[in-house]
Amino acid sequence: MKRGLETLAEYSACAETQGVDKLIAVATSAVREAGNGEDFLERVGRTIGFWPKAISGEERRGSSTRPRCTASTWKGAARW
């Protein structure tokens, strides 16, 4: 859970540096099926400020859910 929260916080920071005014996050089967999935979504909302939507496998197949932030989009992202 900690790593997921850290990663989403980094994506949120990336979006902010790029002037994004609307951020959409989705959660797939890993979160839907996890015993603490609802808790994770709640913690994301409370700590990061956006609320991921748990989507079905069908919704996942019909969308592109790849992150749009990469190392080239902000400074100091050596991890990416």
Foldseek 3Di string as FASTA:
>chain_A
DVVVLVVVLVLLVLCVVVVNPDDAAADEPVLVVDPCSVVVQVCSCVPRPDGHHYDYPVVPVVDDRDRPDDPVRDPPPVVD
